N, C-alpha and C. Protein backbone atom coordinates (compact mmCIF):
# COMPACT_ATOMS: atom_id res chain seq x y z
N MET A 1 0.39 -1.29 0.39
CA MET A 1 -0.26 0.56 0.17
C MET A 1 1.07 1.37 -0.26
N ILE A 2 0.33 2.58 -0.92
CA ILE A 2 1.16 3.59 -0.77
C ILE A 2 0.76 4.70 -0.15
N GLU A 3 1.66 4.90 0.81
CA GLU A 3 1.40 5.98 1.80
C GLU A 3 0.95 7.35 1.31
N GLU A 4 0.30 7.87 2.45
CA GLU A 4 0.07 9.27 2.12
C GLU A 4 1.12 9.60 2.33
N GLY A 5 1.19 11.28 1.20
CA GLY A 5 2.18 12.28 1.24
C GLY A 5 2.43 13.05 0.07
N VAL A 6 3.11 14.14 0.11
CA VAL A 6 3.12 14.98 -0.85
C VAL A 6 4.69 15.14 -1.17
N VAL A 7 5.63 15.32 -2.30
CA VAL A 7 6.43 15.61 -2.66
C VAL A 7 6.60 16.70 -3.24
N SER A 8 8.04 17.13 -3.06
CA SER A 8 8.32 18.08 -3.55
C SER A 8 9.34 18.15 -4.45
N ILE A 9 9.66 17.93 -5.67
CA ILE A 9 10.59 17.79 -6.82
C ILE A 9 12.30 18.52 -5.99
N THR A 10 12.75 17.29 -6.21
CA THR A 10 14.06 17.96 -5.95
C THR A 10 15.21 18.46 -6.83
N GLU A 11 15.82 19.86 -6.53
CA GLU A 11 16.39 20.75 -7.04
C GLU A 11 17.61 19.97 -7.83
N THR A 12 18.08 19.10 -6.95
CA THR A 12 19.78 18.76 -7.12
C THR A 12 19.45 17.56 -7.80
N PHE A 13 18.19 16.73 -8.26
CA PHE A 13 18.17 15.74 -9.27
C PHE A 13 17.77 15.91 -10.39
N GLU A 14 16.83 17.10 -10.13
CA GLU A 14 16.96 18.01 -11.66
C GLU A 14 18.02 18.59 -12.44
N ASN A 15 19.21 18.77 -11.90
CA ASN A 15 19.86 19.82 -12.08
C ASN A 15 21.28 18.57 -12.29
N LEU A 16 20.50 17.34 -12.15
CA LEU A 16 21.64 16.49 -12.46
C LEU A 16 22.03 16.60 -14.18
N ASP A 17 23.31 15.44 -14.63
CA ASP A 17 22.89 15.11 -16.12
C ASP A 17 22.41 14.56 -16.56
N TYR A 18 21.94 14.82 -18.19
CA TYR A 18 20.63 14.76 -18.65
C TYR A 18 20.57 12.90 -18.48
N GLU A 19 21.76 12.39 -18.83
CA GLU A 19 22.38 11.34 -19.39
C GLU A 19 21.65 10.50 -18.05
N LYS A 20 22.23 11.03 -16.92
CA LYS A 20 22.34 10.25 -15.77
C LYS A 20 20.91 10.58 -14.68
N ARG A 21 20.35 11.18 -15.05
CA ARG A 21 19.02 11.62 -14.78
C ARG A 21 17.88 10.47 -15.30
N LYS A 22 18.49 10.84 -16.73
CA LYS A 22 17.21 9.51 -17.17
C LYS A 22 17.45 7.95 -17.18
N ARG A 23 18.73 7.57 -16.86
CA ARG A 23 19.36 6.33 -16.26
C ARG A 23 18.67 5.59 -14.94
N ILE A 24 18.27 6.65 -14.11
CA ILE A 24 17.96 6.76 -12.83
C ILE A 24 16.21 6.60 -13.06
N LEU A 25 15.96 7.41 -13.90
CA LEU A 25 14.72 7.22 -13.80
C LEU A 25 14.03 6.05 -14.95
N ASN A 26 14.77 5.62 -15.68
CA ASN A 26 14.01 4.55 -15.88
C ASN A 26 14.73 3.33 -15.35
N ALA A 27 15.42 3.03 -14.37
CA ALA A 27 15.82 1.85 -13.67
C ALA A 27 14.65 1.96 -12.18
N ALA A 28 14.28 3.37 -12.21
CA ALA A 28 13.11 2.95 -10.96
C ALA A 28 11.57 3.52 -11.70
N LEU A 29 11.75 3.40 -12.64
CA LEU A 29 9.98 3.41 -13.29
C LEU A 29 10.34 1.78 -13.66
N LYS A 30 10.79 1.27 -14.35
CA LYS A 30 10.80 -0.02 -14.82
C LYS A 30 10.68 -1.14 -13.09
N GLU A 31 11.61 -0.89 -12.36
CA GLU A 31 11.15 -2.06 -11.44
C GLU A 31 9.73 -1.39 -10.43
N PHE A 32 9.49 -0.62 -10.38
CA PHE A 32 7.85 -0.26 -10.19
C PHE A 32 7.02 -0.60 -10.84
N ALA A 33 7.08 -0.98 -12.34
CA ALA A 33 6.69 -1.36 -12.94
C ALA A 33 5.86 -2.73 -13.03
N ASP A 34 7.75 -3.18 -12.92
CA ASP A 34 7.78 -4.33 -12.81
C ASP A 34 6.35 -5.24 -11.33
N ASN A 35 7.28 -4.60 -10.68
CA ASN A 35 6.89 -5.32 -9.26
C ASN A 35 6.18 -4.57 -8.29
N GLY A 36 5.84 -3.74 -8.89
CA GLY A 36 4.78 -2.42 -7.94
C GLY A 36 5.08 -1.76 -6.86
N TYR A 37 4.25 -0.65 -6.16
CA TYR A 37 5.14 -0.13 -4.97
C TYR A 37 5.68 -1.30 -3.62
N ASP A 38 4.59 -2.23 -3.45
CA ASP A 38 5.53 -2.88 -2.22
C ASP A 38 6.35 -3.73 -2.29
N ARG A 39 6.56 -4.47 -3.46
CA ARG A 39 7.77 -5.57 -3.54
C ARG A 39 8.79 -4.54 -4.65
N ALA A 40 8.67 -3.34 -4.85
CA ALA A 40 10.00 -2.59 -5.72
C ALA A 40 10.96 -2.43 -5.01
N SER A 41 12.42 -2.80 -5.81
CA SER A 41 13.42 -2.90 -4.51
C SER A 41 14.66 -1.65 -4.91
N THR A 42 14.88 -1.01 -3.82
CA THR A 42 15.33 0.14 -4.00
C THR A 42 17.15 -0.10 -5.07
N ASN A 43 17.36 -1.30 -4.23
CA ASN A 43 18.74 -2.28 -4.41
C ASN A 43 19.03 -2.65 -5.96
N GLN A 44 17.59 -2.60 -6.30
CA GLN A 44 17.65 -3.28 -7.90
C GLN A 44 17.95 -2.02 -8.70
N ILE A 45 17.52 -0.74 -8.31
CA ILE A 45 17.00 0.49 -8.65
C ILE A 45 18.34 1.26 -9.03
N VAL A 46 19.34 1.15 -7.95
CA VAL A 46 20.60 1.82 -7.78
C VAL A 46 21.60 0.49 -8.74
N LYS A 47 21.21 -0.71 -8.76
CA LYS A 47 22.17 -1.41 -9.41
C LYS A 47 21.78 -1.45 -11.45
N ASN A 48 20.84 -1.00 -11.13
CA ASN A 48 20.23 -1.00 -12.71
C ASN A 48 20.74 0.53 -13.44
N ALA A 49 20.67 1.49 -12.08
CA ALA A 49 21.09 2.87 -12.74
C ALA A 49 22.59 2.89 -12.55
N GLY A 50 23.50 2.08 -12.51
CA GLY A 50 24.81 2.43 -11.96
C GLY A 50 25.34 3.26 -11.10
N ILE A 51 24.27 3.40 -10.22
CA ILE A 51 24.75 4.05 -8.73
C ILE A 51 24.95 3.92 -7.61
N GLY A 52 25.28 4.48 -6.35
CA GLY A 52 25.09 3.73 -5.47
C GLY A 52 24.32 4.42 -4.52
N LYS A 53 23.91 3.68 -3.75
CA LYS A 53 22.26 3.35 -2.66
C LYS A 53 22.23 4.74 -2.45
N GLY A 54 23.85 5.12 -1.94
CA GLY A 54 23.38 6.58 -1.03
C GLY A 54 23.17 7.82 -1.82
N MET A 55 23.62 7.61 -3.16
CA MET A 55 23.31 8.41 -3.84
C MET A 55 21.53 8.79 -4.35
N LEU A 56 21.39 7.69 -4.12
CA LEU A 56 19.59 7.74 -4.79
C LEU A 56 19.11 8.27 -3.68
N PHE A 57 18.93 7.84 -2.24
CA PHE A 57 18.63 8.74 -1.00
C PHE A 57 19.64 10.00 -0.89
N TYR A 58 20.49 10.66 -1.43
CA TYR A 58 20.59 12.21 -1.51
C TYR A 58 19.78 12.58 -2.40
N TYR A 59 19.28 12.09 -3.12
CA TYR A 59 18.25 13.01 -4.16
C TYR A 59 16.80 13.06 -3.95
N PHE A 60 16.11 11.50 -3.18
CA PHE A 60 15.30 11.24 -2.60
C PHE A 60 15.11 10.67 -0.96
N LYS A 61 14.52 11.45 -0.24
CA LYS A 61 14.78 10.74 1.25
C LYS A 61 13.92 9.36 1.53
N ASN A 62 13.33 8.96 0.60
CA ASN A 62 12.97 7.22 0.47
C ASN A 62 12.10 7.17 -0.20
N LYS A 63 11.88 5.55 -0.57
CA LYS A 63 10.78 4.87 -1.33
C LYS A 63 9.90 5.88 -1.73
N ARG A 64 9.14 5.79 -0.42
CA ARG A 64 7.60 7.26 -1.32
C ARG A 64 7.75 8.01 -1.53
N GLU A 65 8.84 8.61 -1.39
CA GLU A 65 9.52 10.14 -2.28
C GLU A 65 9.63 9.80 -3.32
N LEU A 66 10.33 8.64 -3.92
CA LEU A 66 11.02 8.42 -5.47
C LEU A 66 9.54 8.15 -6.33
N TYR A 67 8.64 7.21 -5.53
CA TYR A 67 7.51 6.74 -6.06
C TYR A 67 6.73 8.08 -6.51
N TYR A 68 6.44 9.05 -5.70
CA TYR A 68 5.82 10.21 -5.92
C TYR A 68 6.43 11.34 -7.08
N TYR A 69 7.44 11.55 -7.07
CA TYR A 69 8.05 11.80 -8.20
C TYR A 69 7.70 11.47 -9.30
N LEU A 70 8.41 9.74 -9.52
CA LEU A 70 7.93 9.34 -10.97
C LEU A 70 6.69 9.24 -11.53
N ALA A 71 5.39 9.05 -10.45
CA ALA A 71 3.70 8.79 -10.77
C ALA A 71 3.81 11.28 -11.13
N ASN A 72 4.13 11.52 -10.58
CA ASN A 72 4.25 12.94 -11.29
C ASN A 72 4.48 13.69 -12.31
N TYR A 73 6.24 12.92 -12.39
CA TYR A 73 6.41 13.14 -13.90
C TYR A 73 6.03 12.26 -15.20
N SER A 74 5.83 10.85 -14.33
CA SER A 74 5.15 10.53 -15.58
C SER A 74 3.31 10.94 -16.09
N MET A 75 2.52 11.28 -15.57
CA MET A 75 1.25 11.99 -15.65
C MET A 75 2.01 13.57 -16.61
N ASP A 76 2.73 14.27 -15.97
CA ASP A 76 3.26 15.61 -16.97
C ASP A 76 3.75 15.45 -18.11
N ILE A 77 4.76 14.09 -18.02
CA ILE A 77 4.80 13.58 -19.46
C ILE A 77 3.53 13.05 -20.73
N THR A 78 2.92 12.68 -20.27
CA THR A 78 1.57 12.54 -20.54
C THR A 78 0.93 13.56 -20.86
N ILE A 79 0.54 14.41 -20.48
CA ILE A 79 -0.08 15.81 -20.82
C ILE A 79 1.02 16.25 -21.88
N LYS A 80 1.89 16.16 -21.69
CA LYS A 80 2.77 16.96 -22.89
C LYS A 80 2.79 16.14 -24.09
N ASP A 81 3.11 14.74 -23.92
CA ASP A 81 3.59 13.96 -25.13
C ASP A 81 2.81 13.27 -25.86
N TYR A 82 1.57 13.02 -24.88
CA TYR A 82 -0.01 12.36 -25.69
C TYR A 82 -1.04 13.05 -25.57
N PHE A 83 -1.29 13.99 -24.86
CA PHE A 83 -2.38 14.35 -24.78
C PHE A 83 -2.56 15.73 -25.87
N ALA A 84 -1.24 16.38 -25.49
CA ALA A 84 -0.99 17.52 -26.74
C ALA A 84 -1.35 16.66 -28.41
N LYS A 85 -1.01 15.56 -28.50
CA LYS A 85 -1.12 15.44 -30.11
C LYS A 85 -2.36 15.26 -30.61
N PHE A 86 -3.38 14.93 -30.01
CA PHE A 86 -4.64 14.97 -29.93
C PHE A 86 -5.48 15.79 -30.99
N ASN A 87 -5.84 15.33 -32.60
CA ASN A 87 -6.54 16.08 -33.01
C ASN A 87 -8.18 16.40 -32.88
N GLU A 88 -8.21 17.48 -31.62
CA GLU A 88 -9.71 17.87 -31.40
C GLU A 88 -10.76 18.34 -32.53
N ASN A 89 -9.98 18.37 -33.71
CA ASN A 89 -11.38 19.05 -34.87
C ASN A 89 -11.89 17.87 -35.42
N GLU A 90 -11.03 16.41 -34.81
CA GLU A 90 -11.74 15.00 -35.55
C GLU A 90 -13.35 15.03 -34.98
N PRO A 91 -14.44 15.61 -36.08
CA PRO A 91 -15.56 15.05 -35.46
C PRO A 91 -15.93 14.01 -35.96
N ASP A 92 -15.72 12.79 -36.02
CA ASP A 92 -16.06 11.22 -36.03
C ASP A 92 -15.65 11.00 -34.58
N PHE A 93 -16.42 10.67 -33.66
CA PHE A 93 -16.00 9.78 -32.02
C PHE A 93 -15.54 8.49 -32.49
N ILE A 94 -15.42 7.86 -33.29
CA ILE A 94 -14.90 6.06 -33.48
C ILE A 94 -13.26 6.68 -34.15
N GLU A 95 -13.63 7.59 -34.82
CA GLU A 95 -12.10 7.63 -35.75
C GLU A 95 -11.58 8.62 -34.50
N ARG A 96 -11.79 9.77 -33.77
CA ARG A 96 -11.08 10.21 -32.30
C ARG A 96 -10.68 8.82 -31.63
N LEU A 97 -11.61 7.91 -31.10
CA LEU A 97 -11.16 6.78 -30.60
C LEU A 97 -9.44 6.52 -30.95
N LYS A 98 -9.60 5.96 -32.45
CA LYS A 98 -9.32 5.13 -33.10
C LYS A 98 -7.43 6.06 -33.07
N GLN A 99 -7.55 7.31 -33.20
CA GLN A 99 -6.33 8.25 -32.95
C GLN A 99 -6.01 8.16 -32.04
N SER A 100 -6.81 8.01 -30.65
CA SER A 100 -6.13 7.88 -29.45
C SER A 100 -4.95 6.95 -29.59
N SER A 101 -5.81 5.77 -30.14
CA SER A 101 -4.96 4.14 -30.04
C SER A 101 -3.79 4.20 -30.83
N LYS A 102 -3.67 4.99 -31.55
CA LYS A 102 -2.45 5.15 -32.23
C LYS A 102 -1.64 5.90 -31.84
N ILE A 103 -1.88 6.95 -30.96
CA ILE A 103 -1.41 8.01 -30.50
C ILE A 103 -0.34 7.14 -29.03
N LYS A 104 -1.58 6.62 -28.72
CA LYS A 104 -0.97 5.46 -27.26
C LYS A 104 0.23 5.01 -27.67
N MET A 105 0.06 4.14 -28.86
CA MET A 105 0.93 3.38 -29.80
C MET A 105 2.75 4.27 -29.30
N HIS A 106 2.12 5.84 -30.27
CA HIS A 106 3.54 6.06 -30.17
C HIS A 106 4.50 6.69 -29.23
N PHE A 107 3.24 6.78 -27.88
CA PHE A 107 3.87 7.15 -26.55
C PHE A 107 4.49 6.00 -26.05
N PHE A 108 4.17 4.92 -26.01
CA PHE A 108 4.75 3.65 -25.71
C PHE A 108 6.14 3.56 -26.75
N ALA A 109 6.04 4.04 -27.54
CA ALA A 109 7.54 3.64 -28.55
C ALA A 109 8.25 4.78 -28.15
N GLU A 110 7.83 5.94 -27.73
CA GLU A 110 8.74 6.92 -27.00
C GLU A 110 8.80 6.71 -25.92
N HIS A 111 8.36 6.37 -24.83
CA HIS A 111 8.14 6.46 -23.38
C HIS A 111 7.86 5.08 -23.05
N PRO A 112 8.32 4.00 -23.25
CA PRO A 112 7.83 2.39 -22.52
C PRO A 112 7.86 2.25 -20.82
N ASN A 113 9.35 3.15 -20.19
CA ASN A 113 9.08 2.60 -18.81
C ASN A 113 7.96 3.64 -18.37
N VAL A 114 7.73 5.01 -19.25
CA VAL A 114 6.58 5.45 -18.32
C VAL A 114 5.44 5.12 -18.48
N PHE A 115 5.21 4.44 -19.84
CA PHE A 115 3.58 3.78 -20.41
C PHE A 115 3.50 2.65 -19.47
N GLN A 116 4.58 2.00 -19.40
CA GLN A 116 4.56 0.57 -17.97
C GLN A 116 3.92 1.24 -16.74
N PHE A 117 5.30 1.83 -16.18
CA PHE A 117 4.66 2.58 -14.98
C PHE A 117 3.32 2.95 -14.94
N LEU A 118 2.64 4.07 -16.03
CA LEU A 118 1.34 4.52 -15.74
C LEU A 118 0.69 3.12 -15.55
N GLY A 119 0.37 2.31 -16.24
CA GLY A 119 -0.28 0.83 -16.60
C GLY A 119 -0.32 0.24 -15.24
N THR A 120 0.72 0.51 -14.32
CA THR A 120 -0.02 0.20 -12.73
C THR A 120 -0.60 0.71 -12.34
N PHE A 121 -1.14 2.41 -12.58
CA PHE A 121 -2.32 3.27 -12.16
C PHE A 121 -3.57 2.13 -12.98
N PHE A 122 -3.59 1.92 -14.01
CA PHE A 122 -4.11 1.64 -14.33
C PHE A 122 -5.06 0.04 -13.81
N LEU A 123 -4.20 -0.94 -13.32
CA LEU A 123 -4.43 -1.92 -12.79
C LEU A 123 -4.53 -1.64 -10.89
N ILE A 124 -4.16 -0.86 -10.63
CA ILE A 124 -4.56 -0.73 -8.99
C ILE A 124 -6.12 0.03 -8.78
N ALA A 125 -6.41 -1.06 -7.82
CA ALA A 125 -8.06 -0.38 -7.40
C ALA A 125 -7.81 0.77 -6.73
N ASP A 126 -8.97 2.01 -6.95
CA ASP A 126 -9.32 3.33 -6.44
C ASP A 126 -8.30 3.56 -4.90
N ASP A 127 -9.19 2.97 -3.95
CA ASP A 127 -9.09 2.78 -2.98
C ASP A 127 -7.41 2.24 -1.93
N GLN A 128 -6.66 2.06 -3.28
CA GLN A 128 -5.21 1.59 -3.04
C GLN A 128 -4.21 2.80 -3.29
N LEU A 129 -4.95 3.96 -4.03
CA LEU A 129 -3.99 5.14 -4.24
C LEU A 129 -4.52 6.14 -3.09
N PRO A 130 -3.10 6.74 -2.63
CA PRO A 130 -3.47 8.10 -1.47
C PRO A 130 -4.16 8.85 -2.51
N GLU A 131 -4.39 10.14 -1.71
CA GLU A 131 -5.80 10.78 -1.92
C GLU A 131 -5.18 11.98 -3.07
N ASP A 132 -3.40 12.41 -2.50
CA ASP A 132 -3.07 12.90 -3.89
C ASP A 132 -3.01 12.57 -4.80
N LEU A 133 -2.43 11.28 -5.27
CA LEU A 133 -1.80 10.70 -6.46
C LEU A 133 -3.53 10.57 -6.98
N LYS A 134 -4.43 10.36 -6.54
CA LYS A 134 -5.94 9.71 -6.70
C LYS A 134 -6.61 11.09 -7.28
N GLU A 135 -6.07 12.31 -6.87
CA GLU A 135 -6.70 13.68 -7.65
C GLU A 135 -6.27 13.88 -8.91
N LYS A 136 -4.49 13.50 -8.75
CA LYS A 136 -4.19 14.09 -9.85
C LYS A 136 -4.54 13.19 -11.20
N TYR A 137 -4.44 11.96 -10.98
CA TYR A 137 -4.71 10.68 -11.92
C TYR A 137 -6.17 10.94 -12.33
N HIS A 138 -6.93 11.22 -11.40
CA HIS A 138 -8.42 11.52 -12.05
C HIS A 138 -8.47 12.94 -12.63
N LYS A 139 -7.92 13.69 -12.45
CA LYS A 139 -7.59 15.15 -13.61
C LYS A 139 -7.08 14.73 -14.79
N LEU A 140 -6.07 13.52 -14.57
CA LEU A 140 -5.80 13.49 -16.02
C LEU A 140 -6.98 12.78 -17.20
N THR A 141 -7.07 11.59 -16.12
CA THR A 141 -7.99 10.78 -16.86
C THR A 141 -9.49 11.93 -17.15
N GLU A 142 -9.70 12.89 -16.78
CA GLU A 142 -10.91 14.13 -16.87
C GLU A 142 -10.19 14.92 -18.42
N ILE A 143 -9.29 15.50 -18.62
CA ILE A 143 -8.38 15.77 -19.46
C ILE A 143 -8.41 15.03 -20.34
N GLY A 144 -8.12 13.59 -20.57
CA GLY A 144 -8.42 12.36 -21.54
C GLY A 144 -10.60 12.86 -22.53
N TYR A 145 -11.10 12.33 -21.05
CA TYR A 145 -12.58 12.52 -21.39
C TYR A 145 -12.67 13.84 -22.38
N LYS A 146 -12.18 14.77 -22.06
CA LYS A 146 -12.96 16.18 -22.42
C LYS A 146 -12.26 16.17 -24.34
N LYS A 147 -11.32 15.79 -24.34
CA LYS A 147 -10.25 15.32 -25.44
C LYS A 147 -11.55 14.42 -26.25
N LEU A 148 -12.01 13.45 -25.81
CA LEU A 148 -12.55 12.09 -26.34
C LEU A 148 -13.87 12.69 -27.02
N TYR A 149 -14.85 13.23 -25.74
CA TYR A 149 -16.13 13.34 -26.01
C TYR A 149 -16.79 14.68 -26.65
N GLN A 150 -15.92 15.58 -26.33
CA GLN A 150 -16.47 16.93 -26.82
C GLN A 150 -16.46 17.52 -28.32
N ASP A 151 -17.20 17.99 -29.10
CA ASP A 151 -17.21 18.51 -30.11
C ASP A 151 -17.47 17.26 -30.74
N ILE A 152 -18.47 16.32 -30.29
CA ILE A 152 -19.14 15.21 -31.44
C ILE A 152 -19.95 15.34 -32.79
N ASP A 153 -19.70 15.26 -33.66
CA ASP A 153 -20.47 15.44 -34.70
C ASP A 153 -21.67 14.36 -35.11
N TYR A 154 -22.73 14.69 -34.31
CA TYR A 154 -23.96 13.71 -33.95
C TYR A 154 -24.53 13.34 -35.30
N SER A 155 -24.15 14.40 -36.53
CA SER A 155 -24.96 13.98 -37.84
C SER A 155 -24.56 13.02 -38.49
N LEU A 156 -23.34 12.27 -37.88
CA LEU A 156 -22.92 11.05 -38.62
C LEU A 156 -23.20 9.71 -38.62
N PHE A 157 -24.20 9.73 -37.24
CA PHE A 157 -25.04 9.01 -36.88
C PHE A 157 -26.19 8.59 -38.03
N ARG A 158 -26.82 7.29 -37.70
CA ARG A 158 -27.26 6.71 -38.82
C ARG A 158 -28.85 7.35 -38.51
N GLU A 159 -30.27 7.52 -40.20
CA GLU A 159 -31.19 8.40 -39.39
C GLU A 159 -32.35 7.71 -39.11
N GLY A 160 -32.80 8.00 -37.96
CA GLY A 160 -34.04 6.81 -37.80
C GLY A 160 -33.65 6.48 -36.57
N ILE A 161 -32.42 6.55 -35.63
CA ILE A 161 -31.89 6.47 -34.35
C ILE A 161 -31.96 7.55 -33.46
N ASP A 162 -32.24 7.03 -32.04
CA ASP A 162 -32.13 7.98 -31.04
C ASP A 162 -30.45 8.36 -31.04
N VAL A 163 -29.93 9.44 -31.41
CA VAL A 163 -28.43 9.70 -31.50
C VAL A 163 -27.88 9.66 -30.20
N GLU A 164 -28.95 10.68 -29.10
CA GLU A 164 -28.03 10.55 -27.73
C GLU A 164 -28.06 9.12 -26.95
N LYS A 165 -28.99 8.34 -27.04
CA LYS A 165 -28.91 6.79 -27.40
C LYS A 165 -27.89 6.04 -27.76
N ALA A 166 -28.19 6.38 -28.73
CA ALA A 166 -26.65 5.85 -29.23
C ALA A 166 -25.33 5.66 -29.10
N PHE A 167 -24.78 7.03 -28.78
CA PHE A 167 -23.97 7.64 -28.19
C PHE A 167 -23.53 7.09 -27.03
N GLN A 168 -24.80 6.75 -26.21
CA GLN A 168 -24.32 6.51 -24.84
C GLN A 168 -24.18 4.85 -24.75
N LEU A 169 -24.88 4.41 -25.33
CA LEU A 169 -24.58 3.06 -25.93
C LEU A 169 -22.66 2.79 -26.64
N ILE A 170 -22.43 3.39 -27.01
CA ILE A 170 -20.95 3.91 -27.35
C ILE A 170 -20.62 3.57 -26.49
N GLN A 171 -20.44 4.93 -25.58
CA GLN A 171 -19.96 5.00 -24.50
C GLN A 171 -19.54 3.83 -22.96
N TRP A 172 -20.77 3.23 -23.01
CA TRP A 172 -20.95 2.31 -22.32
C TRP A 172 -20.00 1.13 -22.81
N ALA A 173 -20.12 0.64 -24.18
CA ALA A 173 -19.25 -0.39 -24.94
C ALA A 173 -18.05 0.06 -24.74
N ILE A 174 -17.19 1.16 -24.51
CA ILE A 174 -16.00 1.27 -24.14
C ILE A 174 -15.34 1.41 -22.75
N GLU A 175 -16.26 1.69 -21.98
CA GLU A 175 -16.13 1.92 -20.65
C GLU A 175 -16.17 0.42 -20.06
N GLY A 176 -17.49 -0.98 -20.85
CA GLY A 176 -17.09 -1.95 -20.25
C GLY A 176 -15.92 -2.69 -20.79
N TYR A 177 -15.53 -2.31 -22.13
CA TYR A 177 -14.67 -3.04 -22.51
C TYR A 177 -13.10 -2.72 -21.55
N GLN A 178 -13.19 -1.01 -21.24
CA GLN A 178 -12.34 -0.78 -20.42
C GLN A 178 -12.04 -1.97 -19.12
N GLN A 179 -13.25 -1.66 -18.90
CA GLN A 179 -13.57 -2.69 -17.37
C GLN A 179 -13.06 -4.49 -17.32
N ASP A 180 -13.80 -4.87 -18.52
CA ASP A 180 -13.39 -5.97 -18.98
C ASP A 180 -11.48 -6.34 -19.11
N LEU A 181 -11.04 -5.54 -19.88
CA LEU A 181 -9.61 -6.04 -19.87
C LEU A 181 -8.61 -5.42 -18.34
N LYS A 182 -8.96 -4.42 -17.76
CA LYS A 182 -8.92 -4.47 -16.72
C LYS A 182 -8.50 -5.65 -15.89
N LYS A 183 -9.81 -6.49 -15.87
CA LYS A 183 -10.29 -7.68 -15.23
C LYS A 183 -9.18 -8.64 -15.54
N ARG A 184 -8.44 -8.72 -17.13
CA ARG A 184 -8.54 -9.92 -17.84
C ARG A 184 -6.62 -9.57 -17.36
N LEU A 185 -6.23 -8.53 -17.71
CA LEU A 185 -4.82 -8.05 -17.00
C LEU A 185 -4.24 -8.14 -14.92
N GLN A 186 -5.69 -8.41 -14.53
CA GLN A 186 -5.22 -7.88 -12.94
C GLN A 186 -4.21 -9.05 -12.59
N GLY A 187 -3.47 -8.61 -11.61
CA GLY A 187 -2.41 -9.60 -11.26
C GLY A 187 -1.17 -10.21 -12.55
N LYS A 188 -1.03 -9.43 -13.54
CA LYS A 188 -0.18 -9.08 -14.64
C LYS A 188 0.79 -8.68 -14.34
N VAL A 189 2.16 -8.66 -14.60
CA VAL A 189 3.19 -7.75 -14.60
C VAL A 189 3.08 -7.17 -16.23
N PHE A 190 2.94 -5.63 -15.62
CA PHE A 190 2.75 -5.02 -16.96
C PHE A 190 3.47 -4.92 -18.05
N SER A 191 4.61 -4.82 -17.72
CA SER A 191 6.03 -4.62 -18.30
C SER A 191 6.02 -6.02 -19.84
N THR A 192 5.35 -6.73 -18.93
CA THR A 192 5.51 -8.30 -20.00
C THR A 192 4.23 -8.55 -20.81
N ILE A 193 3.25 -7.17 -20.76
CA ILE A 193 2.04 -7.94 -21.45
C ILE A 193 2.43 -7.06 -23.02
N ASP A 194 1.79 -8.34 -24.30
CA ASP A 194 2.37 -7.95 -25.41
C ASP A 194 0.65 -7.13 -25.28
N LEU A 195 1.01 -5.76 -25.85
CA LEU A 195 -0.37 -5.05 -25.77
C LEU A 195 -1.23 -4.75 -26.97
N LYS A 196 0.08 -5.38 -28.14
CA LYS A 196 -1.01 -5.41 -29.73
C LYS A 196 -2.16 -5.95 -30.15
N PRO A 197 -2.74 -7.17 -29.44
CA PRO A 197 -3.37 -8.13 -29.85
C PRO A 197 -4.45 -7.26 -29.01
N TYR A 198 -4.67 -6.48 -27.88
CA TYR A 198 -5.16 -5.78 -27.24
C TYR A 198 -5.54 -4.50 -28.03
N TRP A 199 -4.65 -3.78 -29.25
CA TRP A 199 -4.85 -2.72 -29.79
C TRP A 199 -5.75 -3.60 -30.73
N ASP A 200 -5.58 -4.33 -31.02
CA ASP A 200 -6.03 -5.21 -32.32
C ASP A 200 -7.78 -5.26 -32.17
N GLU A 201 -7.71 -5.71 -31.13
CA GLU A 201 -8.98 -6.20 -30.56
C GLU A 201 -10.17 -4.74 -30.51
N PHE A 202 -9.35 -4.19 -30.11
CA PHE A 202 -10.12 -2.78 -29.57
C PHE A 202 -10.33 -1.83 -30.81
N TYR A 203 -9.73 -1.83 -32.17
CA TYR A 203 -9.88 -1.69 -33.27
C TYR A 203 -11.31 -2.15 -33.92
N GLU A 204 -11.38 -3.78 -33.55
CA GLU A 204 -12.46 -4.62 -34.76
C GLU A 204 -13.44 -4.47 -33.79
N TYR A 205 -13.70 -4.00 -32.36
CA TYR A 205 -14.80 -3.39 -31.19
C TYR A 205 -15.33 -2.24 -32.27
N LEU A 206 -14.44 -1.24 -32.58
CA LEU A 206 -14.76 0.53 -32.99
C LEU A 206 -15.13 -0.12 -34.17
N ASP A 207 -15.11 -1.02 -35.00
CA ASP A 207 -15.72 -1.01 -36.49
C ASP A 207 -17.03 -1.51 -36.53
N VAL A 208 -17.26 -2.65 -35.30
CA VAL A 208 -18.42 -3.13 -35.16
C VAL A 208 -19.20 -1.91 -34.97
N LEU A 209 -19.16 -0.88 -33.94
CA LEU A 209 -20.40 -0.34 -33.54
C LEU A 209 -20.13 0.88 -34.87
N LYS A 210 -18.86 1.31 -35.41
CA LYS A 210 -18.95 2.10 -36.69
C LYS A 210 -20.19 1.71 -37.74
N LYS A 211 -19.94 0.47 -38.00
CA LYS A 211 -21.31 -0.12 -38.55
C LYS A 211 -22.68 -0.47 -38.34
N SER A 212 -22.79 -0.18 -37.10
CA SER A 212 -23.97 -0.50 -35.99
C SER A 212 -24.67 0.84 -35.83
N PHE A 213 -23.87 1.80 -35.93
CA PHE A 213 -24.61 3.49 -35.32
C PHE A 213 -24.45 4.24 -36.55
N TYR A 214 -23.87 3.79 -37.37
CA TYR A 214 -22.90 4.87 -38.93
C TYR A 214 -23.48 5.08 -39.98
N LYS A 215 -23.62 6.40 -40.86
CA LYS A 215 -24.06 6.08 -42.17
C LYS A 215 -23.51 5.33 -42.77
């Protein structure tokens, strides 16, 4: 269980040489993604980062502070390199969902350790996250929700159906798929999961939805 606490970013760590800072970040992100908060080993982090344990605790007071830094770092990267690439002018909701998946694939290619670390949030139950991290994560999902759902062109739907109800059914289908996926992935090490079959499966469901509700 992750303890409560607010972390302030350490200037000492921020001012490190870029390559060294990235090495520490990637080692820590991977260790937490592979093992979760409780089982993550700071000994393994320093070994993979090629630094002494004393140096890690010079930058971060403890494991909790390191985790908080990684959580905030990962969510900030998501806003900058994922949400910023959304084309909110795309009026077709299904196409916007496909676009979202493609951006996720690029994001994964550019930031695999960040993506896998955030995947642990997807698998963690809400009541296991401390309030401050939960609040920021919920704000992140709200940004994503707005980018997906605002300014949709309802005229693309088939004539003769209740558009609002059709759109609601699509939303429920997507949310239901996400919950089902969460159950299927529960207990797995996120960094070992081959995500391509799940993306392909998601595209197939989107095609079914489009044929069912669109002109």
